[in-house]
Amino acid sequence: NALPAEVPDGFAERLAATLTTLRAT
């Protein structure tokens, strides 16, 4: 929940979606 500023566009959203999928699974 505190990623660095220097990440590719959309990375934070993809990471959040991956975590949501993981928790649901």
mmCIF file of all heavy atoms, coordinates in Angstrom:
data_MODEL
# 
_entry.id   MODEL 
# 
loop_
_atom_site.group_PDB 
_atom_site.id 
_atom_site.type_symbol 
_atom_site.label_atom_id 
_atom_site.label_alt_id 
_atom_site.label_comp_id 
_atom_site.label_asym_id 
_atom_site.label_entity_id 
_atom_site.label_seq_id 
_atom_site.pdbx_PDB_ins_code 
_atom_site.Cartn_x 
_atom_site.Cartn_y 
_atom_site.Cartn_z 
_atom_site.occupancy 
_atom_site.B_iso_or_equiv 
_atom_site.pdbx_formal_charge 
_atom_site.auth_seq_id 
_atom_site.auth_comp_id 
_atom_site.auth_asym_id 
_atom_site.auth_atom_id 
_atom_site.pdbx_PDB_model_num 
ATOM 1   N N   . ASN A 1 1  ? 0.815   -1.218  0.000   1.00 0.00 ? 1  ASN A N   1 
ATOM 2   C CA  . ASN A 1 1  ? 0.000   0.000   0.000   1.00 0.00 ? 1  ASN A CA  1 
ATOM 3   C C   . ASN A 1 1  ? 0.848   1.268   0.000   1.00 0.00 ? 1  ASN A C   1 
ATOM 4   O O   . ASN A 1 1  ? 0.331   2.367   0.213   1.00 0.00 ? 1  ASN A O   1 
ATOM 5   C CB  . ASN A 1 1  ? -0.951  0.005   1.200   1.00 0.00 ? 1  ASN A CB  1 
ATOM 6   C CG  . ASN A 1 1  ? -0.212  -0.009  2.522   1.00 0.00 ? 1  ASN A CG  1 
ATOM 7   O OD1 . ASN A 1 1  ? 1.017   -0.091  2.561   1.00 0.00 ? 1  ASN A OD1 1 
ATOM 8   N ND2 . ASN A 1 1  ? -0.955  0.072   3.621   1.00 0.00 ? 1  ASN A ND2 1 
ATOM 9   N N   . ALA A 1 2  ? 2.142   1.135   -0.212  1.00 0.00 ? 2  ALA A N   1 
ATOM 10  C CA  . ALA A 1 2  ? 3.038   2.294   -0.271  1.00 0.00 ? 2  ALA A CA  1 
ATOM 11  C C   . ALA A 1 2  ? 4.155   2.029   -1.267  1.00 0.00 ? 2  ALA A C   1 
ATOM 12  O O   . ALA A 1 2  ? 5.331   1.957   -0.924  1.00 0.00 ? 2  ALA A O   1 
ATOM 13  C CB  . ALA A 1 2  ? 3.608   2.602   1.119   1.00 0.00 ? 2  ALA A CB  1 
ATOM 14  N N   . LEU A 1 3  ? 3.783   1.887   -2.518  1.00 0.00 ? 3  LEU A N   1 
ATOM 15  C CA  . LEU A 1 3  ? 4.748   1.602   -3.578  1.00 0.00 ? 3  LEU A CA  1 
ATOM 16  C C   . LEU A 1 3  ? 5.586   2.839   -3.878  1.00 0.00 ? 3  LEU A C   1 
ATOM 17  O O   . LEU A 1 3  ? 5.154   3.969   -3.645  1.00 0.00 ? 3  LEU A O   1 
ATOM 18  C CB  . LEU A 1 3  ? 4.018   1.151   -4.844  1.00 0.00 ? 3  LEU A CB  1 
ATOM 19  C CG  . LEU A 1 3  ? 3.226   -0.149  -4.752  1.00 0.00 ? 3  LEU A CG  1 
ATOM 20  C CD1 . LEU A 1 3  ? 2.448   -0.372  -6.045  1.00 0.00 ? 3  LEU A CD1 1 
ATOM 21  C CD2 . LEU A 1 3  ? 4.144   -1.323  -4.470  1.00 0.00 ? 3  LEU A CD2 1 
ATOM 22  N N   . PRO A 1 4  ? 6.787   2.642   -4.421  1.00 0.00 ? 4  PRO A N   1 
ATOM 23  C CA  . PRO A 1 4  ? 7.609   3.798   -4.792  1.00 0.00 ? 4  PRO A CA  1 
ATOM 24  C C   . PRO A 1 4  ? 6.979   4.558   -5.956  1.00 0.00 ? 4  PRO A C   1 
ATOM 25  O O   . PRO A 1 4  ? 6.138   4.033   -6.687  1.00 0.00 ? 4  PRO A O   1 
ATOM 26  C CB  . PRO A 1 4  ? 8.941   3.157   -5.204  1.00 0.00 ? 4  PRO A CB  1 
ATOM 27  C CG  . PRO A 1 4  ? 8.567   1.780   -5.638  1.00 0.00 ? 4  PRO A CG  1 
ATOM 28  C CD  . PRO A 1 4  ? 7.452   1.366   -4.741  1.00 0.00 ? 4  PRO A CD  1 
ATOM 29  N N   . ALA A 1 5  ? 7.400   5.797   -6.125  1.00 0.00 ? 5  ALA A N   1 
ATOM 30  C CA  . ALA A 1 5  ? 6.843   6.623   -7.202  1.00 0.00 ? 5  ALA A CA  1 
ATOM 31  C C   . ALA A 1 5  ? 7.284   6.129   -8.571  1.00 0.00 ? 5  ALA A C   1 
ATOM 32  O O   . ALA A 1 5  ? 6.544   6.250   -9.554  1.00 0.00 ? 5  ALA A O   1 
ATOM 33  C CB  . ALA A 1 5  ? 7.269   8.078   -7.003  1.00 0.00 ? 5  ALA A CB  1 
ATOM 34  N N   . GLU A 1 6  ? 8.488   5.540   -8.641  1.00 0.00 ? 6  GLU A N   1 
ATOM 35  C CA  . GLU A 1 6  ? 9.054   5.138   -9.926  1.00 0.00 ? 6  GLU A CA  1 
ATOM 36  C C   . GLU A 1 6  ? 8.594   3.737   -10.321 1.00 0.00 ? 6  GLU A C   1 
ATOM 37  O O   . GLU A 1 6  ? 9.362   2.771   -10.287 1.00 0.00 ? 6  GLU A O   1 
ATOM 38  C CB  . GLU A 1 6  ? 10.579  5.185   -9.887  1.00 0.00 ? 6  GLU A CB  1 
ATOM 39  C CG  . GLU A 1 6  ? 11.155  6.520   -9.472  1.00 0.00 ? 6  GLU A CG  1 
ATOM 40  C CD  . GLU A 1 6  ? 11.313  6.645   -7.970  1.00 0.00 ? 6  GLU A CD  1 
ATOM 41  O OE1 . GLU A 1 6  ? 10.832  5.763   -7.225  1.00 0.00 ? 6  GLU A OE1 1 
ATOM 42  O OE2 . GLU A 1 6  ? 11.927  7.624   -7.536  1.00 0.00 ? 6  GLU A OE2 1 
ATOM 43  N N   . VAL A 1 7  ? 7.325   3.609   -10.692 1.00 0.00 ? 7  VAL A N   1 
ATOM 44  C CA  . VAL A 1 7  ? 6.787   2.346   -11.211 1.00 0.00 ? 7  VAL A CA  1 
ATOM 45  C C   . VAL A 1 7  ? 6.138   2.629   -12.561 1.00 0.00 ? 7  VAL A C   1 
ATOM 46  O O   . VAL A 1 7  ? 5.747   3.763   -12.841 1.00 0.00 ? 7  VAL A O   1 
ATOM 47  C CB  . VAL A 1 7  ? 5.754   1.716   -10.237 1.00 0.00 ? 7  VAL A CB  1 
ATOM 48  C CG1 . VAL A 1 7  ? 6.414   1.290   -8.934  1.00 0.00 ? 7  VAL A CG1 1 
ATOM 49  C CG2 . VAL A 1 7  ? 4.590   2.651   -9.988  1.00 0.00 ? 7  VAL A CG2 1 
ATOM 50  N N   . PRO A 1 8  ? 6.024   1.610   -13.421 1.00 0.00 ? 8  PRO A N   1 
ATOM 51  C CA  . PRO A 1 8  ? 5.390   1.829   -14.734 1.00 0.00 ? 8  PRO A CA  1 
ATOM 52  C C   . PRO A 1 8  ? 3.929   2.254   -14.583 1.00 0.00 ? 8  PRO A C   1 
ATOM 53  O O   . PRO A 1 8  ? 3.275   1.970   -13.577 1.00 0.00 ? 8  PRO A O   1 
ATOM 54  C CB  . PRO A 1 8  ? 5.496   0.450   -15.410 1.00 0.00 ? 8  PRO A CB  1 
ATOM 55  C CG  . PRO A 1 8  ? 6.594   -0.247  -14.688 1.00 0.00 ? 8  PRO A CG  1 
ATOM 56  C CD  . PRO A 1 8  ? 6.533   0.237   -13.276 1.00 0.00 ? 8  PRO A CD  1 
ATOM 57  N N   . ASP A 1 9  ? 3.411   2.916   -15.601 1.00 0.00 ? 9  ASP A N   1 
ATOM 58  C CA  . ASP A 1 9  ? 2.002   3.315   -15.610 1.00 0.00 ? 9  ASP A CA  1 
ATOM 59  C C   . ASP A 1 9  ? 1.115   2.090   -15.425 1.00 0.00 ? 9  ASP A C   1 
ATOM 60  O O   . ASP A 1 9  ? 1.311   1.064   -16.085 1.00 0.00 ? 9  ASP A O   1 
ATOM 61  C CB  . ASP A 1 9  ? 1.647   4.002   -16.929 1.00 0.00 ? 9  ASP A CB  1 
ATOM 62  C CG  . ASP A 1 9  ? 2.310   5.356   -17.080 1.00 0.00 ? 9  ASP A CG  1 
ATOM 63  O OD1 . ASP A 1 9  ? 2.740   5.920   -16.057 1.00 0.00 ? 9  ASP A OD1 1 
ATOM 64  O OD2 . ASP A 1 9  ? 2.396   5.842   -18.230 1.00 0.00 ? 9  ASP A OD2 1 
ATOM 65  N N   . GLY A 1 10 ? 0.160   2.204   -14.525 1.00 0.00 ? 10 GLY A N   1 
ATOM 66  C CA  . GLY A 1 10 ? -0.788  1.120   -14.300 1.00 0.00 ? 10 GLY A CA  1 
ATOM 67  C C   . GLY A 1 10 ? -0.299  0.024   -13.390 1.00 0.00 ? 10 GLY A C   1 
ATOM 68  O O   . GLY A 1 10 ? -1.048  -0.907  -13.081 1.00 0.00 ? 10 GLY A O   1 
ATOM 69  N N   . PHE A 1 11 ? 0.950   0.097   -12.935 1.00 0.00 ? 11 PHE A N   1 
ATOM 70  C CA  . PHE A 1 11 ? 1.502   -0.988  -12.113 1.00 0.00 ? 11 PHE A CA  1 
ATOM 71  C C   . PHE A 1 11 ? 0.758   -1.145  -10.791 1.00 0.00 ? 11 PHE A C   1 
ATOM 72  O O   . PHE A 1 11 ? 0.447   -2.260  -10.376 1.00 0.00 ? 11 PHE A O   1 
ATOM 73  C CB  . PHE A 1 11 ? 2.990   -0.749  -11.846 1.00 0.00 ? 11 PHE A CB  1 
ATOM 74  C CG  . PHE A 1 11 ? 3.632   -1.829  -11.020 1.00 0.00 ? 11 PHE A CG  1 
ATOM 75  C CD1 . PHE A 1 11 ? 4.026   -3.030  -11.609 1.00 0.00 ? 11 PHE A CD1 1 
ATOM 76  C CD2 . PHE A 1 11 ? 3.822   -1.668  -9.659  1.00 0.00 ? 11 PHE A CD2 1 
ATOM 77  C CE1 . PHE A 1 11 ? 4.606   -4.034  -10.856 1.00 0.00 ? 11 PHE A CE1 1 
ATOM 78  C CE2 . PHE A 1 11 ? 4.404   -2.669  -8.897  1.00 0.00 ? 11 PHE A CE2 1 
ATOM 79  C CZ  . PHE A 1 11 ? 4.792   -3.856  -9.493  1.00 0.00 ? 11 PHE A CZ  1 
ATOM 80  N N   . ALA A 1 12 ? 0.478   -0.033  -10.118 1.00 0.00 ? 12 ALA A N   1 
ATOM 81  C CA  . ALA A 1 12 ? -0.204  -0.102  -8.825  1.00 0.00 ? 12 ALA A CA  1 
ATOM 82  C C   . ALA A 1 12 ? -1.573  -0.762  -8.974  1.00 0.00 ? 12 ALA A C   1 
ATOM 83  O O   . ALA A 1 12 ? -1.980  -1.578  -8.124  1.00 0.00 ? 12 ALA A O   1 
ATOM 84  C CB  . ALA A 1 12 ? -0.341  1.293   -8.220  1.00 0.00 ? 12 ALA A CB  1 
ATOM 85  N N   . GLU A 1 13 ? -2.291  -0.423  -10.039 1.00 0.00 ? 13 GLU A N   1 
ATOM 86  C CA  . GLU A 1 13 ? -3.612  -1.009  -10.259 1.00 0.00 ? 13 GLU A CA  1 
ATOM 87  C C   . GLU A 1 13 ? -3.518  -2.503  -10.548 1.00 0.00 ? 13 GLU A C   1 
ATOM 88  O O   . GLU A 1 13 ? -4.342  -3.297  -10.066 1.00 0.00 ? 13 GLU A O   1 
ATOM 89  C CB  . GLU A 1 13 ? -4.313  -0.294  -11.420 1.00 0.00 ? 13 GLU A CB  1 
ATOM 90  C CG  . GLU A 1 13 ? -4.686  1.150   -11.139 1.00 0.00 ? 13 GLU A CG  1 
ATOM 91  C CD  . GLU A 1 13 ? -3.521  2.117   -11.230 1.00 0.00 ? 13 GLU A CD  1 
ATOM 92  O OE1 . GLU A 1 13 ? -2.430  1.719   -11.700 1.00 0.00 ? 13 GLU A OE1 1 
ATOM 93  O OE2 . GLU A 1 13 ? -3.697  3.281   -10.821 1.00 0.00 ? 13 GLU A OE2 1 
ATOM 94  N N   . ARG A 1 14 ? -2.512  -2.902  -11.317 1.00 0.00 ? 14 ARG A N   1 
ATOM 95  C CA  . ARG A 1 14 ? -2.327  -4.330  -11.620 1.00 0.00 ? 14 ARG A CA  1 
ATOM 96  C C   . ARG A 1 14 ? -1.955  -5.107  -10.365 1.00 0.00 ? 14 ARG A C   1 
ATOM 97  O O   . ARG A 1 14 ? -2.434  -6.223  -10.144 1.00 0.00 ? 14 ARG A O   1 
ATOM 98  C CB  . ARG A 1 14 ? -1.254  -4.497  -12.691 1.00 0.00 ? 14 ARG A CB  1 
ATOM 99  C CG  . ARG A 1 14 ? -1.689  -4.050  -14.076 1.00 0.00 ? 14 ARG A CG  1 
ATOM 100 C CD  . ARG A 1 14 ? -0.530  -4.001  -15.053 1.00 0.00 ? 14 ARG A CD  1 
ATOM 101 N NE  . ARG A 1 14 ? 0.309   -5.167  -14.961 1.00 0.00 ? 14 ARG A NE  1 
ATOM 102 C CZ  . ARG A 1 14 ? 1.645   -5.116  -14.939 1.00 0.00 ? 14 ARG A CZ  1 
ATOM 103 N NH1 . ARG A 1 14 ? 2.281   -3.950  -14.972 1.00 0.00 ? 14 ARG A NH1 1 
ATOM 104 N NH2 . ARG A 1 14 ? 2.342   -6.228  -14.855 1.00 0.00 ? 14 ARG A NH2 1 
ATOM 105 N N   . LEU A 1 15 ? -1.104  -4.509  -9.544  1.00 0.00 ? 15 LEU A N   1 
ATOM 106 C CA  . LEU A 1 15 ? -0.712  -5.168  -8.299  1.00 0.00 ? 15 LEU A CA  1 
ATOM 107 C C   . LEU A 1 15 ? -1.917  -5.338  -7.382  1.00 0.00 ? 15 LEU A C   1 
ATOM 108 O O   . LEU A 1 15 ? -2.114  -6.405  -6.790  1.00 0.00 ? 15 LEU A O   1 
ATOM 109 C CB  . LEU A 1 15 ? 0.373   -4.353  -7.594  1.00 0.00 ? 15 LEU A CB  1 
ATOM 110 C CG  . LEU A 1 15 ? 1.008   -5.021  -6.374  1.00 0.00 ? 15 LEU A CG  1 
ATOM 111 C CD1 . LEU A 1 15 ? 1.929   -6.159  -6.807  1.00 0.00 ? 15 LEU A CD1 1 
ATOM 112 C CD2 . LEU A 1 15 ? 1.791   -4.000  -5.557  1.00 0.00 ? 15 LEU A CD2 1 
ATOM 113 N N   . ALA A 1 16 ? -2.748  -4.301  -7.285  1.00 0.00 ? 16 ALA A N   1 
ATOM 114 C CA  . ALA A 1 16 ? -3.941  -4.383  -6.446  1.00 0.00 ? 16 ALA A CA  1 
ATOM 115 C C   . ALA A 1 16 ? -4.900  -5.451  -6.960  1.00 0.00 ? 16 ALA A C   1 
ATOM 116 O O   . ALA A 1 16 ? -5.484  -6.212  -6.170  1.00 0.00 ? 16 ALA A O   1 
ATOM 117 C CB  . ALA A 1 16 ? -4.635  -3.019  -6.400  1.00 0.00 ? 16 ALA A CB  1 
ATOM 118 N N   . ALA A 1 17 ? -5.052  -5.535  -8.279  1.00 0.00 ? 17 ALA A N   1 
ATOM 119 C CA  . ALA A 1 17 ? -5.936  -6.553  -8.857  1.00 0.00 ? 17 ALA A CA  1 
ATOM 120 C C   . ALA A 1 17 ? -5.395  -7.953  -8.598  1.00 0.00 ? 17 ALA A C   1 
ATOM 121 O O   . ALA A 1 17 ? -6.158  -8.887  -8.315  1.00 0.00 ? 17 ALA A O   1 
ATOM 122 C CB  . ALA A 1 17 ? -6.086  -6.314  -10.359 1.00 0.00 ? 17 ALA A CB  1 
ATOM 123 N N   . THR A 1 18 ? -4.078  -8.107  -8.678  1.00 0.00 ? 18 THR A N   1 
ATOM 124 C CA  . THR A 1 18 ? -3.454  -9.401  -8.404  1.00 0.00 ? 18 THR A CA  1 
ATOM 125 C C   . THR A 1 18 ? -3.691  -9.817  -6.958  1.00 0.00 ? 18 THR A C   1 
ATOM 126 O O   . THR A 1 18 ? -4.022  -10.975 -6.676  1.00 0.00 ? 18 THR A O   1 
ATOM 127 C CB  . THR A 1 18 ? -1.941  -9.332  -8.692  1.00 0.00 ? 18 THR A CB  1 
ATOM 128 O OG1 . THR A 1 18 ? -1.751  -9.015  -10.066 1.00 0.00 ? 18 THR A OG1 1 
ATOM 129 C CG2 . THR A 1 18 ? -1.266  -10.661 -8.395  1.00 0.00 ? 18 THR A CG2 1 
ATOM 130 N N   . LEU A 1 19 ? -3.552  -8.885  -6.038  1.00 0.00 ? 19 LEU A N   1 
ATOM 131 C CA  . LEU A 1 19 ? -3.795  -9.179  -4.623  1.00 0.00 ? 19 LEU A CA  1 
ATOM 132 C C   . LEU A 1 19 ? -5.250  -9.542  -4.363  1.00 0.00 ? 19 LEU A C   1 
ATOM 133 O O   . LEU A 1 19 ? -5.542  -10.451 -3.584  1.00 0.00 ? 19 LEU A O   1 
ATOM 134 C CB  . LEU A 1 19 ? -3.393  -7.975  -3.762  1.00 0.00 ? 19 LEU A CB  1 
ATOM 135 C CG  . LEU A 1 19 ? -1.904  -7.828  -3.466  1.00 0.00 ? 19 LEU A CG  1 
ATOM 136 C CD1 . LEU A 1 19 ? -1.627  -6.476  -2.821  1.00 0.00 ? 19 LEU A CD1 1 
ATOM 137 C CD2 . LEU A 1 19 ? -1.419  -8.957  -2.565  1.00 0.00 ? 19 LEU A CD2 1 
ATOM 138 N N   . THR A 1 20 ? -6.155  -8.843  -5.024  1.00 0.00 ? 20 THR A N   1 
ATOM 139 C CA  . THR A 1 20 ? -7.583  -9.145  -4.869  1.00 0.00 ? 20 THR A CA  1 
ATOM 140 C C   . THR A 1 20 ? -7.879  -10.564 -5.342  1.00 0.00 ? 20 THR A C   1 
ATOM 141 O O   . THR A 1 20 ? -8.590  -11.324 -4.678  1.00 0.00 ? 20 THR A O   1 
ATOM 142 C CB  . THR A 1 20 ? -8.430  -8.133  -5.660  1.00 0.00 ? 20 THR A CB  1 
ATOM 143 O OG1 . THR A 1 20 ? -8.210  -6.823  -5.125  1.00 0.00 ? 20 THR A OG1 1 
ATOM 144 C CG2 . THR A 1 20 ? -9.906  -8.482  -5.565  1.00 0.00 ? 20 THR A CG2 1 
ATOM 145 N N   . THR A 1 21 ? -7.318  -10.926 -6.487  1.00 0.00 ? 21 THR A N   1 
ATOM 146 C CA  . THR A 1 21 ? -7.505  -12.280 -7.011  1.00 0.00 ? 21 THR A CA  1 
ATOM 147 C C   . THR A 1 21 ? -6.915  -13.319 -6.070  1.00 0.00 ? 21 THR A C   1 
ATOM 148 O O   . THR A 1 21 ? -7.525  -14.360 -5.802  1.00 0.00 ? 21 THR A O   1 
ATOM 149 C CB  . THR A 1 21 ? -6.850  -12.409 -8.402  1.00 0.00 ? 21 THR A CB  1 
ATOM 150 O OG1 . THR A 1 21 ? -7.459  -11.472 -9.290  1.00 0.00 ? 21 THR A OG1 1 
ATOM 151 C CG2 . THR A 1 21 ? -7.000  -13.812 -8.955  1.00 0.00 ? 21 THR A CG2 1 
ATOM 152 N N   . LEU A 1 22 ? -5.725  -13.042 -5.549  1.00 0.00 ? 22 LEU A N   1 
ATOM 153 C CA  . LEU A 1 22 ? -5.059  -13.969 -4.643  1.00 0.00 ? 22 LEU A CA  1 
ATOM 154 C C   . LEU A 1 22 ? -5.876  -14.193 -3.385  1.00 0.00 ? 22 LEU A C   1 
ATOM 155 O O   . LEU A 1 22 ? -6.086  -15.331 -2.956  1.00 0.00 ? 22 LEU A O   1 
ATOM 156 C CB  . LEU A 1 22 ? -3.676  -13.428 -4.286  1.00 0.00 ? 22 LEU A CB  1 
ATOM 157 C CG  . LEU A 1 22 ? -2.895  -14.191 -3.208  1.00 0.00 ? 22 LEU A CG  1 
ATOM 158 C CD1 . LEU A 1 22 ? -2.660  -15.625 -3.624  1.00 0.00 ? 22 LEU A CD1 1 
ATOM 159 C CD2 . LEU A 1 22 ? -1.580  -13.487 -2.917  1.00 0.00 ? 22 LEU A CD2 1 
ATOM 160 N N   . ARG A 1 23 ? -6.360  -13.115 -2.785  1.00 0.00 ? 23 ARG A N   1 
ATOM 161 C CA  . ARG A 1 23 ? -7.141  -13.241 -1.546  1.00 0.00 ? 23 ARG A CA  1 
ATOM 162 C C   . ARG A 1 23 ? -8.443  -13.982 -1.788  1.00 0.00 ? 23 ARG A C   1 
ATOM 163 O O   . ARG A 1 23 ? -8.861  -14.809 -0.975  1.00 0.00 ? 23 ARG A O   1 
ATOM 164 C CB  . ARG A 1 23 ? -7.398  -11.853 -0.964  1.00 0.00 ? 23 ARG A CB  1 
ATOM 165 C CG  . ARG A 1 23 ? -6.136  -11.201 -0.400  1.00 0.00 ? 23 ARG A CG  1 
ATOM 166 C CD  . ARG A 1 23 ? -6.417  -9.816  0.142   1.00 0.00 ? 23 ARG A CD  1 
ATOM 167 N NE  . ARG A 1 23 ? -5.250  -9.278  0.821   1.00 0.00 ? 23 ARG A NE  1 
ATOM 168 C CZ  . ARG A 1 23 ? -4.726  -8.092  0.571   1.00 0.00 ? 23 ARG A CZ  1 
ATOM 169 N NH1 . ARG A 1 23 ? -5.261  -7.314  -0.347  1.00 0.00 ? 23 ARG A NH1 1 
ATOM 170 N NH2 . ARG A 1 23 ? -3.668  -7.667  1.246   1.00 0.00 ? 23 ARG A NH2 1 
ATOM 171 N N   . ALA A 1 24 ? -9.093  -13.713 -2.922  1.00 0.00 ? 24 ALA A N   1 
ATOM 172 C CA  . ALA A 1 24 ? -10.346 -14.398 -3.241  1.00 0.00 ? 24 ALA A CA  1 
ATOM 173 C C   . ALA A 1 24 ? -10.104 -15.887 -3.459  1.00 0.00 ? 24 ALA A C   1 
ATOM 174 O O   . ALA A 1 24 ? -10.896 -16.732 -3.017  1.00 0.00 ? 24 ALA A O   1 
ATOM 175 C CB  . ALA A 1 24 ? -10.981 -13.773 -4.480  1.00 0.00 ? 24 ALA A CB  1 
ATOM 176 N N   . THR A 1 25 ? -9.002  -16.217 -4.132  1.00 0.00 ? 25 THR A N   1 
ATOM 177 C CA  . THR A 1 25 ? -8.674  -17.617 -4.388  1.00 0.00 ? 25 THR A CA  1 
ATOM 178 C C   . THR A 1 25 ? -8.403  -18.350 -3.074  1.00 0.00 ? 25 THR A C   1 
ATOM 179 O O   . THR A 1 25 ? -8.889  -19.472 -2.859  1.00 0.00 ? 25 THR A O   1 
ATOM 180 C CB  . THR A 1 25 ? -7.438  -17.725 -5.300  1.00 0.00 ? 25 THR A CB  1 
ATOM 181 O OG1 . THR A 1 25 ? -7.736  -17.092 -6.544  1.00 0.00 ? 25 THR A OG1 1 
ATOM 182 C CG2 . THR A 1 25 ? -7.072  -19.176 -5.553  1.00 0.00 ? 25 THR A CG2 1 
# 
